[in-house]
Amino acid sequence: MNARWSPARIALLLYPFGWGAFAVNVFFASLIGSWVGLPVASPVVSLGLGAVVAVPATYVFACHIRRLMDAAES
């Protein structure tokens, strides 16, 4: 039986963590932007943008994790 995890499967597992991390980053970036007059993002907007940005970022991170797993197995 092949127990190799695909990057997509790893990304699916890590997505909730990436979503939360990016939502916090979007919110804090909007706070920094308020120093120059930009509006502060609401928690709902931060969660929405975090959900969108987390998809490609989590997949790229999952590919990196897969490469590390391959290196560890060899």
PDB file of N, CA and C in Angstrom:
ATOM      1  N   MET A   1       0.837  -1.190   0.000  1.00  0.00           N
ATOM      2  CA  MET A   1       0.000   0.000   0.000  1.00  0.00           C
ATOM      3  C   MET A   1       0.879   1.249   0.000  1.00  0.00           C
ATOM      4  N   ASN A   2       0.569   2.189  -0.867  1.00  0.00           N
ATOM      5  CA  ASN A   2       1.322   3.430  -0.968  1.00  0.00           C
ATOM      6  C   ASN A   2       0.714   4.456  -0.022  1.00  0.00           C
ATOM      7  N   ALA A   3       1.465   4.832   1.006  1.00  0.00           N
ATOM      8  CA  ALA A   3       0.980   5.781   2.006  1.00  0.00           C
ATOM      9  C   ALA A   3       1.471   7.200   1.724  1.00  0.00           C
ATOM     10  N   ARG A   4       1.891   7.472   0.505  1.00  0.00           N
ATOM     11  CA  ARG A   4       2.425   8.796   0.158  1.00  0.00           C
ATOM     12  C   ARG A   4       1.300   9.817   0.101  1.00  0.00           C
ATOM     13  N   TRP A   5       1.473  10.908   0.842  1.00  0.00           N
ATOM     14  CA  TRP A   5       0.488  11.984   0.841  1.00  0.00           C
ATOM     15  C   TRP A   5       0.777  12.937  -0.308  1.00  0.00           C
ATOM     16  N   SER A   6      -0.238  13.307  -1.055  1.00  0.00           N
ATOM     17  CA  SER A   6      -0.070  14.272  -2.139  1.00  0.00           C
ATOM     18  C   SER A   6      -0.024  15.685  -1.561  1.00  0.00           C
ATOM     19  N   PRO A   7       0.562  16.637  -2.305  1.00  0.00           N
ATOM     20  CA  PRO A   7       0.551  18.024  -1.831  1.00  0.00           C
ATOM     21  C   PRO A   7      -0.872  18.563  -1.623  1.00  0.00           C
ATOM     22  N   ALA A   8      -1.807  18.129  -2.467  1.00  0.00           N
ATOM     23  CA  ALA A   8      -3.186  18.594  -2.304  1.00  0.00           C
ATOM     24  C   ALA A   8      -3.785  18.106  -0.986  1.00  0.00           C
ATOM     25  N   ARG A   9      -3.490  16.880  -0.625  1.00  0.00           N
ATOM     26  CA  ARG A   9      -4.002  16.331   0.632  1.00  0.00           C
ATOM     27  C   ARG A   9      -3.369  17.038   1.832  1.00  0.00           C
ATOM     28  N   ILE A  10      -2.082  17.316   1.748  1.00  0.00           N
ATOM     29  CA  ILE A  10      -1.399  18.052   2.814  1.00  0.00           C
ATOM     30  C   ILE A  10      -1.974  19.467   2.914  1.00  0.00           C
ATOM     31  N   ALA A  11      -2.202  20.101   1.772  1.00  0.00           N
ATOM     32  CA  ALA A  11      -2.762  21.457   1.770  1.00  0.00           C
ATOM     33  C   ALA A  11      -4.155  21.475   2.385  1.00  0.00           C
ATOM     34  N   LEU A  12      -4.947  20.461   2.085  1.00  0.00           N
ATOM     35  CA  LEU A  12      -6.289  20.388   2.658  1.00  0.00           C
ATOM     36  C   LEU A  12      -6.232  20.279   4.179  1.00  0.00           C
ATOM     37  N   LEU A  13      -5.273  19.538   4.665  1.00  0.00           N
ATOM     38  CA  LEU A  13      -5.103  19.382   6.106  1.00  0.00           C
ATOM     39  C   LEU A  13      -4.611  20.681   6.753  1.00  0.00           C
ATOM     40  N   LEU A  14      -3.719  21.408   6.082  1.00  0.00           N
ATOM     41  CA  LEU A  14      -3.132  22.619   6.647  1.00  0.00           C
ATOM     42  C   LEU A  14      -3.941  23.881   6.381  1.00  0.00           C
ATOM     43  N   TYR A  15      -4.945  23.814   5.496  1.00  0.00           N
ATOM     44  CA  TYR A  15      -5.687  25.012   5.095  1.00  0.00           C
ATOM     45  C   TYR A  15      -6.291  25.798   6.263  1.00  0.00           C
ATOM     46  N   PRO A  16      -6.937  25.164   7.250  1.00  0.00           N
ATOM     47  CA  PRO A  16      -7.502  25.971   8.348  1.00  0.00           C
ATOM     48  C   PRO A  16      -6.455  26.803   9.087  1.00  0.00           C
ATOM     49  N   PHE A  17      -5.257  26.263   9.238  1.00  0.00           N
ATOM     50  CA  PHE A  17      -4.197  27.013   9.900  1.00  0.00           C
ATOM     51  C   PHE A  17      -3.716  28.172   9.027  1.00  0.00           C
ATOM     52  N   GLY A  18      -3.580  27.916   7.728  1.00  0.00           N
ATOM     53  CA  GLY A  18      -3.188  28.980   6.804  1.00  0.00           C
ATOM     54  C   GLY A  18      -4.232  30.072   6.729  1.00  0.00           C
ATOM     55  N   TRP A  19      -5.492  29.682   6.737  1.00  0.00           N
ATOM     56  CA  TRP A  19      -6.586  30.646   6.686  1.00  0.00           C
ATOM     57  C   TRP A  19      -6.528  31.564   7.900  1.00  0.00           C
ATOM     58  N   GLY A  20      -6.379  30.998   9.067  1.00  0.00           N
ATOM     59  CA  GLY A  20      -6.297  31.811  10.279  1.00  0.00           C
ATOM     60  C   GLY A  20      -5.094  32.728  10.283  1.00  0.00           C
ATOM     61  N   ALA A  21      -3.956  32.204   9.857  1.00  0.00           N
ATOM     62  CA  ALA A  21      -2.738  33.015   9.826  1.00  0.00           C
ATOM     63  C   ALA A  21      -2.877  34.178   8.852  1.00  0.00           C
ATOM     64  N   PHE A  22      -3.434  33.919   7.670  1.00  0.00           N
ATOM     65  CA  PHE A  22      -3.572  34.995   6.697  1.00  0.00           C
ATOM     66  C   PHE A  22      -4.653  35.982   7.094  1.00  0.00           C
ATOM     67  N   ALA A  23      -5.702  35.543   7.768  1.00  0.00           N
ATOM     68  CA  ALA A  23      -6.725  36.472   8.248  1.00  0.00           C
ATOM     69  C   ALA A  23      -6.123  37.444   9.260  1.00  0.00           C
ATOM     70  N   VAL A  24      -5.299  36.938  10.169  1.00  0.00           N
ATOM     71  CA  VAL A  24      -4.634  37.806  11.146  1.00  0.00           C
ATOM     72  C   VAL A  24      -3.680  38.755  10.434  1.00  0.00           C
ATOM     73  N   ASN A  25      -2.930  38.252   9.447  1.00  0.00           N
ATOM     74  CA  ASN A  25      -1.992  39.104   8.711  1.00  0.00           C
ATOM     75  C   ASN A  25      -2.714  40.207   7.947  1.00  0.00           C
ATOM     76  N   VAL A  26      -3.855  39.878   7.330  1.00  0.00           N
ATOM     77  CA  VAL A  26      -4.626  40.892   6.608  1.00  0.00           C
ATOM     78  C   VAL A  26      -5.113  41.963   7.580  1.00  0.00           C
ATOM     79  N   PHE A  27      -5.608  41.546   8.740  1.00  0.00           N
ATOM     80  CA  PHE A  27      -6.104  42.514   9.715  1.00  0.00           C
ATOM     81  C   PHE A  27      -4.985  43.425  10.199  1.00  0.00           C
ATOM     82  N   PHE A  28      -3.831  42.847  10.553  1.00  0.00           N
ATOM     83  CA  PHE A  28      -2.729  43.672  11.028  1.00  0.00           C
ATOM     84  C   PHE A  28      -2.168  44.559   9.921  1.00  0.00           C
ATOM     85  N   ALA A  29      -2.166  44.079   8.699  1.00  0.00           N
ATOM     86  CA  ALA A  29      -1.728  44.922   7.583  1.00  0.00           C
ATOM     87  C   ALA A  29      -2.677  46.102   7.408  1.00  0.00           C
ATOM     88  N   SER A  30      -3.976  45.875   7.615  1.00  0.00           N
ATOM     89  CA  SER A  30      -4.924  46.985   7.508  1.00  0.00           C
ATOM     90  C   SER A  30      -4.724  47.984   8.650  1.00  0.00           C
ATOM     91  N   LEU A  31      -4.302  47.508   9.826  1.00  0.00           N
ATOM     92  CA  LEU A  31      -4.000  48.439  10.915  1.00  0.00           C
ATOM     93  C   LEU A  31      -2.789  49.305  10.570  1.00  0.00           C
ATOM     94  N   ILE A  32      -1.785  48.700   9.951  1.00  0.00           N
ATOM     95  CA  ILE A  32      -0.624  49.480   9.518  1.00  0.00           C
ATOM     96  C   ILE A  32      -1.026  50.459   8.430  1.00  0.00           C
ATOM     97  N   GLY A  33      -1.905  50.016   7.532  1.00  0.00           N
ATOM     98  CA  GLY A  33      -2.388  50.901   6.479  1.00  0.00           C
ATOM     99  C   GLY A  33      -3.173  52.085   7.011  1.00  0.00           C
ATOM    100  N   SER A  34      -3.768  51.933   8.194  1.00  0.00           N
ATOM    101  CA  SER A  34      -4.523  53.046   8.770  1.00  0.00           C
ATOM    102  C   SER A  34      -3.611  54.210   9.140  1.00  0.00           C
ATOM    103  N   TRP A  35      -2.316  53.958   9.295  1.00  0.00           N
ATOM    104  CA  TRP A  35      -1.374  55.034   9.598  1.00  0.00           C
ATOM    105  C   TRP A  35      -1.266  56.020   8.448  1.00  0.00           C
ATOM    106  N   VAL A  36      -1.564  55.540   7.233  1.00  0.00           N
ATOM    107  CA  VAL A  36      -1.497  56.431   6.065  1.00  0.00           C
ATOM    108  C   VAL A  36      -2.884  56.756   5.518  1.00  0.00           C
ATOM    109  N   GLY A  37      -3.911  56.523   6.339  1.00  0.00           N
ATOM    110  CA  GLY A  37      -5.260  56.930   5.957  1.00  0.00           C
ATOM    111  C   GLY A  37      -6.134  55.871   5.314  1.00  0.00           C
ATOM    112  N   LEU A  38      -5.663  54.647   5.192  1.00  0.00           N
ATOM    113  CA  LEU A  38      -6.491  53.582   4.624  1.00  0.00           C
ATOM    114  C   LEU A  38      -7.465  53.062   5.680  1.00  0.00           C
ATOM    115  N   PRO A  39      -8.580  52.506   5.264  1.00  0.00           N
ATOM    116  CA  PRO A  39      -9.536  51.997   6.258  1.00  0.00           C
ATOM    117  C   PRO A  39      -9.041  50.707   6.916  1.00  0.00           C
ATOM    118  N   VAL A  40      -9.479  50.491   8.148  1.00  0.00           N
ATOM    119  CA  VAL A  40      -9.150  49.259   8.869  1.00  0.00           C
ATOM    120  C   VAL A  40     -10.155  48.191   8.441  1.00  0.00           C
ATOM    121  N   ALA A  41      -9.675  47.016   8.121  1.00  0.00           N
ATOM    122  CA  ALA A  41     -10.534  45.913   7.685  1.00  0.00           C
ATOM    123  C   ALA A  41     -11.317  45.370   8.874  1.00  0.00           C
ATOM    124  N   SER A  42     -12.572  45.063   8.631  1.00  0.00           N
ATOM    125  CA  SER A  42     -13.385  44.441   9.678  1.00  0.00           C
ATOM    126  C   SER A  42     -12.962  42.975   9.818  1.00  0.00           C
ATOM    127  N   PRO A  43     -13.342  42.338  10.922  1.00  0.00           N
ATOM    128  CA  PRO A  43     -13.004  40.918  11.059  1.00  0.00           C
ATOM    129  C   PRO A  43     -13.571  40.054   9.926  1.00  0.00           C
ATOM    130  N   VAL A  44     -14.760  40.388   9.440  1.00  0.00           N
ATOM    131  CA  VAL A  44     -15.363  39.602   8.351  1.00  0.00           C
ATOM    132  C   VAL A  44     -14.558  39.757   7.059  1.00  0.00           C
ATOM    133  N   VAL A  45     -14.146  40.970   6.765  1.00  0.00           N
ATOM    134  CA  VAL A  45     -13.329  41.216   5.570  1.00  0.00           C
ATOM    135  C   VAL A  45     -11.985  40.511   5.711  1.00  0.00           C
ATOM    136  N   SER A  46     -11.400  40.575   6.899  1.00  0.00           N
ATOM    137  CA  SER A  46     -10.120  39.900   7.131  1.00  0.00           C
ATOM    138  C   SER A  46     -10.247  38.400   6.939  1.00  0.00           C
ATOM    139  N   LEU A  47     -11.323  37.813   7.434  1.00  0.00           N
ATOM    140  CA  LEU A  47     -11.540  36.374   7.253  1.00  0.00           C
ATOM    141  C   LEU A  47     -11.741  36.027   5.784  1.00  0.00           C
ATOM    142  N   GLY A  48     -12.486  36.862   5.072  1.00  0.00           N
ATOM    143  CA  GLY A  48     -12.723  36.607   3.653  1.00  0.00           C
ATOM    144  C   GLY A  48     -11.459  36.694   2.824  1.00  0.00           C
ATOM    145  N   LEU A  49     -10.701  37.764   3.015  1.00  0.00           N
ATOM    146  CA  LEU A  49      -9.447  37.900   2.263  1.00  0.00           C
ATOM    147  C   LEU A  49      -8.441  36.835   2.679  1.00  0.00           C
ATOM    148  N   GLY A  50      -8.425  36.497   3.974  1.00  0.00           N
ATOM    149  CA  GLY A  50      -7.544  35.440   4.442  1.00  0.00           C
ATOM    150  C   GLY A  50      -7.867  34.105   3.810  1.00  0.00           C
ATOM    151  N   ALA A  51      -9.162  33.829   3.622  1.00  0.00           N
ATOM    152  CA  ALA A  51      -9.584  32.570   2.998  1.00  0.00           C
ATOM    153  C   ALA A  51      -9.117  32.496   1.553  1.00  0.00           C
ATOM    154  N   VAL A  52      -9.179  33.628   0.851  1.00  0.00           N
ATOM    155  CA  VAL A  52      -8.780  33.645  -0.562  1.00  0.00           C
ATOM    156  C   VAL A  52      -7.270  33.526  -0.708  1.00  0.00           C
ATOM    157  N   VAL A  53      -6.531  34.293   0.070  1.00  0.00           N
ATOM    158  CA  VAL A  53      -5.075  34.311  -0.046  1.00  0.00           C
ATOM    159  C   VAL A  53      -4.471  32.998   0.449  1.00  0.00           C
ATOM    160  N   ALA A  54      -5.132  32.348   1.386  1.00  0.00           N
ATOM    161  CA  ALA A  54      -4.586  31.115   1.971  1.00  0.00           C
ATOM    162  C   ALA A  54      -4.587  29.945   0.990  1.00  0.00           C
ATOM    163  N   VAL A  55      -5.441  29.957  -0.008  1.00  0.00           N
ATOM    164  CA  VAL A  55      -5.516  28.815  -0.941  1.00  0.00           C
ATOM    165  C   VAL A  55      -4.187  28.598  -1.667  1.00  0.00           C
ATOM    166  N   PRO A  56      -3.677  29.574  -2.430  1.00  0.00           N
ATOM    167  CA  PRO A  56      -2.399  29.310  -3.119  1.00  0.00           C
ATOM    168  C   PRO A  56      -1.217  29.219  -2.162  1.00  0.00           C
ATOM    169  N   ALA A  57      -1.241  30.020  -1.111  1.00  0.00           N
ATOM    170  CA  ALA A  57      -0.112  30.009  -0.179  1.00  0.00           C
ATOM    171  C   ALA A  57      -0.007  28.672   0.546  1.00  0.00           C
ATOM    172  N   THR A  58      -1.142  28.111   0.944  1.00  0.00           N
ATOM    173  CA  THR A  58      -1.120  26.822   1.632  1.00  0.00           C
ATOM    174  C   THR A  58      -0.673  25.715   0.684  1.00  0.00           C
ATOM    175  N   TYR A  59      -1.077  25.793  -0.581  1.00  0.00           N
ATOM    176  CA  TYR A  59      -0.650  24.778  -1.540  1.00  0.00           C
ATOM    177  C   TYR A  59       0.859  24.835  -1.768  1.00  0.00           C
ATOM    178  N   VAL A  60       1.405  26.042  -1.889  1.00  0.00           N
ATOM    179  CA  VAL A  60       2.856  26.183  -2.067  1.00  0.00           C
ATOM    180  C   VAL A  60       3.582  25.633  -0.843  1.00  0.00           C
ATOM    181  N   PHE A  61       3.075  25.940   0.350  1.00  0.00           N
ATOM    182  CA  PHE A  61       3.685  25.422   1.568  1.00  0.00           C
ATOM    183  C   PHE A  61       3.582  23.899   1.623  1.00  0.00           C
ATOM    184  N   ALA A  62       2.454  23.338   1.181  1.00  0.00           N
ATOM    185  CA  ALA A  62       2.288  21.878   1.167  1.00  0.00           C
ATOM    186  C   ALA A  62       3.270  21.222   0.204  1.00  0.00           C
ATOM    187  N   CYS A  63       3.536  21.857  -0.929  1.00  0.00           N
ATOM    188  CA  CYS A  63       4.541  21.317  -1.862  1.00  0.00           C
ATOM    189  C   CYS A  63       5.918  21.319  -1.213  1.00  0.00           C
ATOM    190  N   HIS A  64       6.222  22.361  -0.459  1.00  0.00           N
ATOM    191  CA  HIS A  64       7.495  22.420   0.256  1.00  0.00           C
ATOM    192  C   HIS A  64       7.574  21.300   1.295  1.00  0.00           C
ATOM    193  N   ILE A  65       6.507  21.084   2.035  1.00  0.00           N
ATOM    194  CA  ILE A  65       6.469  20.012   3.033  1.00  0.00           C
ATOM    195  C   ILE A  65       6.630  18.653   2.356  1.00  0.00           C
ATOM    196  N   ARG A  66       5.991  18.456   1.192  1.00  0.00           N
ATOM    197  CA  ARG A  66       6.112  17.198   0.460  1.00  0.00           C
ATOM    198  C   ARG A  66       7.572  16.953   0.053  1.00  0.00           C
ATOM    199  N   ARG A  67       8.262  18.009  -0.424  1.00  0.00           N
ATOM    200  CA  ARG A  67       9.679  17.867  -0.790  1.00  0.00           C
ATOM    201  C   ARG A  67      10.518  17.501   0.432  1.00  0.00           C
ATOM    202  N   LEU A  68      10.222  18.111   1.577  1.00  0.00           N
ATOM    203  CA  LEU A  68      10.951  17.761   2.794  1.00  0.00           C
ATOM    204  C   LEU A  68      10.680  16.313   3.210  1.00  0.00           C
ATOM    205  N   MET A  69       9.455  15.861   3.051  1.00  0.00           N
ATOM    206  CA  MET A  69       9.129  14.478   3.370  1.00  0.00           C
ATOM    207  C   MET A  69       9.856  13.507   2.431  1.00  0.00           C
ATOM    208  N   ASP A  70       9.926  13.858   1.145  1.00  0.00           N
ATOM    209  CA  ASP A  70      10.639  13.030   0.174  1.00  0.00           C
ATOM    210  C   ASP A  70      12.123  12.950   0.518  1.00  0.00           C
ATOM    211  N   ALA A  71      12.694  14.097   0.905  1.00  0.00           N
ATOM    212  CA  ALA A  71      14.110  14.105   1.271  1.00  0.00           C
ATOM    213  C   ALA A  71      14.368  13.288   2.519  1.00  0.00           C
ATOM    214  N   ALA A  72      13.456  13.340   3.471  1.00  0.00           N
ATOM    215  CA  ALA A  72      13.615  12.572   4.708  1.00  0.00           C
ATOM    216  C   ALA A  72      13.498  11.061   4.470  1.00  0.00           C
ATOM    217  N   GLU A  73      12.678  10.690   3.481  1.00  0.00           N
ATOM    218  CA  GLU A  73      12.472   9.268   3.188  1.00  0.00           C
ATOM    219  C   GLU A  73      13.609   8.664   2.378  1.00  0.00           C
ATOM    220  N   SER A  74      14.369   9.513   1.691  1.00  0.00           N
ATOM    221  CA  SER A  74      15.444   8.978   0.850  1.00  0.00           C
ATOM    222  C   SER A  74      16.753   8.851   1.600  1.00  0.00           C
TER     223      SER A  74
END
